[in-house]
Protein backbone atom coordinates (compact mmCIF):
# COMPACT_ATOMS: atom_id res chain seq x y z
CA MET A 1 0.00 0.00 0.00
CA PRO A 2 1.52 3.35 -0.98
CA ALA A 3 2.33 5.67 1.87
CA MET A 4 0.09 8.68 2.20
CA SER A 5 1.22 12.03 3.47
CA MET A 6 -0.56 13.87 6.24
CA ALA A 7 -1.83 16.35 3.64
CA ASP A 8 -3.63 13.49 1.83
CA THR A 9 -5.47 12.39 4.97
CA LYS A 10 -6.58 15.98 5.70
CA HIS A 11 -8.46 16.17 2.41
CA PRO A 12 -12.06 15.21 3.28
CA ILE A 13 -12.78 13.07 0.21
CA ILE A 14 -9.55 11.08 0.52
CA TYR A 15 -10.11 10.65 4.26
CA MET A 16 -13.70 9.47 3.69
CA THR A 17 -12.55 7.00 1.05
CA ILE A 18 -9.95 5.59 3.45
CA MET A 19 -12.52 5.26 6.23
CA ILE A 20 -15.16 3.69 3.97
CA LYS A 21 -12.65 1.07 2.79
CA SER A 22 -11.65 0.31 6.39
CA ILE A 23 -15.24 0.10 7.62
CA ALA A 24 -16.28 -2.07 4.65
CA ALA A 25 -13.37 -4.45 5.23
CA SER A 26 -14.20 -4.66 8.93
CA THR A 27 -17.91 -5.25 8.24
CA ILE A 28 -17.26 -7.98 5.67
CA THR A 29 -14.75 -9.71 7.94
CA LEU A 30 -17.02 -9.53 10.98
CA SER A 31 -20.00 -10.80 8.97
CA TYR A 32 -18.04 -13.76 7.63
CA THR A 33 -16.72 -14.53 11.12
CA LEU A 34 -20.28 -14.53 12.48
CA ILE A 35 -21.36 -16.91 9.70
CA ILE A 36 -18.54 -19.30 10.63
CA PHE A 37 -19.54 -19.11 14.30
CA TYR A 38 -23.18 -19.69 13.45
CA MET A 39 -22.37 -22.74 11.31
CA SER A 40 -20.15 -24.02 14.13
CA PHE A 41 -23.01 -23.95 16.61
CA VAL A 42 -25.78 -25.37 14.40
CA SER A 43 -26.56 -28.98 15.25
CA ALA A 44 -24.66 -31.63 13.30
CA GLY A 45 -27.94 -33.07 11.98
CA THR A 46 -28.95 -29.70 10.52
CA LEU A 47 -25.54 -29.29 8.91
CA HIS A 48 -25.83 -32.74 7.35
CA ILE A 49 -29.16 -31.73 5.78
CA ILE A 50 -27.66 -28.47 4.47
CA TYR A 51 -24.63 -30.30 3.04
CA LYS A 52 -26.88 -32.86 1.35
CA ARG A 53 -29.03 -30.17 -0.29
CA VAL A 54 -25.99 -28.27 -1.54
CA GLY A 55 -24.27 -31.45 -2.72
CA ILE A 56 -21.34 -31.45 -0.30
CA GLY A 57 -20.21 -34.94 0.68
CA GLY A 58 -18.19 -33.97 3.74
CA ASP A 59 -17.15 -30.89 5.61
CA ASN A 60 -13.38 -31.42 5.76
CA LEU A 61 -12.73 -29.30 2.68
CA LEU A 62 -15.10 -26.64 4.02
CA HIS A 63 -13.09 -26.42 7.25
CA VAL A 64 -9.89 -25.77 5.30
CA LEU A 65 -11.36 -23.36 2.74
CA SER A 66 -13.37 -21.41 5.31
CA PHE A 67 -10.19 -20.62 7.26
CA VAL A 68 -8.21 -19.76 4.13
CA LEU A 69 -10.90 -17.21 3.27
CA LEU A 70 -11.18 -16.01 6.88
CA ALA A 71 -7.43 -15.42 7.09
CA PHE A 72 -7.44 -13.46 3.82
CA LEU A 73 -10.37 -11.32 4.97
CA ILE A 74 -8.63 -10.58 8.26
CA ARG A 75 -5.43 -9.76 6.35
CA PHE A 76 -7.37 -7.37 4.13
CA MET A 77 -9.00 -5.76 7.16
CA PHE A 78 -5.70 -5.33 9.02
CA SER A 79 -4.10 -3.88 5.87
CA THR A 80 -6.47 -0.92 5.80
CA ARG A 81 -5.45 2.49 7.01
CA LEU A 82 -7.63 2.24 10.13
CA TYR A 83 -5.53 -0.62 11.54
CA GLN A 84 -2.06 0.37 10.28
CA LYS A 85 -0.96 1.87 13.58
CA LEU A 86 -2.15 -1.19 15.51
CA THR A 87 -0.75 -3.90 13.28
CA GLN A 88 2.73 -3.67 11.81
CA SER A 89 2.42 -7.10 10.20
CA PRO A 90 -1.11 -7.83 8.93
CA ARG A 91 -0.14 -11.37 7.85
CA VAL A 92 1.06 -12.34 11.32
CA TRP A 93 -1.97 -10.76 12.98
CA SER A 94 -4.20 -12.60 10.54
CA VAL A 95 -2.61 -15.93 11.47
CA TYR A 96 -2.93 -15.22 15.21
CA THR A 97 -6.52 -14.01 14.93
CA SER A 98 -7.60 -16.95 12.75
CA ALA A 99 -5.95 -19.42 15.13
CA PHE A 100 -7.62 -17.75 18.12
CA LEU A 101 -11.03 -17.97 16.44
CA SER A 102 -10.43 -21.63 15.57
CA VAL A 103 -9.58 -22.54 19.16
CA THR A 104 -12.50 -20.46 20.45
CA ILE A 105 -14.94 -22.34 18.20
CA GLU A 106 -13.68 -25.76 19.27
CA ILE A 107 -13.67 -24.87 22.98
CA SER A 108 -17.20 -23.46 22.67
CA GLN A 109 -18.38 -26.71 21.08
CA VAL A 110 -17.39 -28.58 24.25
CA PHE A 111 -20.32 -26.88 25.98
CA MET A 112 -22.83 -27.45 23.17
CA PRO A 113 -25.10 -30.49 23.60
CA THR A 114 -25.55 -30.92 19.83
CA ARG A 115 -21.88 -30.51 18.88
CA HIS A 116 -18.50 -31.89 19.93
CA ALA A 117 -15.02 -30.42 19.83
CA SER A 118 -12.53 -32.09 17.55
CA VAL A 119 -8.76 -31.95 17.38
CA PHE A 120 -9.10 -33.01 13.73
CA ASP A 121 -11.16 -29.87 13.04
CA LEU A 122 -8.41 -27.79 14.66
CA LEU A 123 -5.88 -29.45 12.35
CA LEU A 124 -8.07 -28.69 9.33
CA HIS A 125 -8.35 -25.06 10.41
CA ALA A 126 -4.58 -24.93 10.91
CA ALA A 127 -4.12 -26.33 7.39
CA GLY A 128 -6.30 -23.53 6.03
CA ILE A 129 -4.32 -20.92 7.95
CA PHE A 130 -1.05 -22.44 6.70
CA ILE A 131 -2.31 -22.39 3.10
CA PHE A 132 -3.18 -18.70 3.55
CA PHE A 133 0.29 -17.99 4.95
CA VAL A 134 2.04 -19.73 2.03
CA ILE A 135 -0.11 -18.02 -0.62
CA ASP A 136 0.14 -14.60 1.04
CA SER A 137 3.92 -14.92 1.44
CA GLY A 138 4.17 -15.90 -2.22
CA ILE A 139 2.06 -12.91 -3.26
CA ASP A 140 4.37 -10.58 -1.31
CA LYS A 141 7.49 -12.19 -2.72
CA TYR A 142 6.17 -12.19 -6.28
CA GLY A 143 4.94 -8.62 -5.94
CA LYS A 144 8.37 -7.42 -4.74
CA ARG A 145 10.08 -9.32 -7.55
CA GLN A 146 7.84 -7.59 -10.07
CA GLU A 147 8.66 -4.24 -8.52
CA TYR A 148 12.44 -4.59 -9.06
CA ASP A 149 12.46 -6.42 -12.42
């Protein structure tokens, strides 16, 4: 992201654009996180019916892909101007936040009568977070290579 001078942020239209992007990224990320939490707390029987209607055979791939997407959304959110002073490394914060949410979901399922916590689900979430990290690192590396070539 190109650095902006203080003069740029004092211009009302530029400042509003920066804030709208930050708020939109935060809203999208929070909404997606709430969807993941909701799906984590729905009874297993209901999920099986949903998967059957949509044509999904199992949820293992969904665990991985949902956390790849979650990590990218968090990365995007932490990359906005609103969070720049708080997070020096959006990728690292994205990994930590995604991992925290994964553990929170599994611990919460211990107390749910219709769900059960699973170490295998944690491993699938970790695989999704790792895939995000590899892809995001590659994007940074490739982007920097392009810049100097």
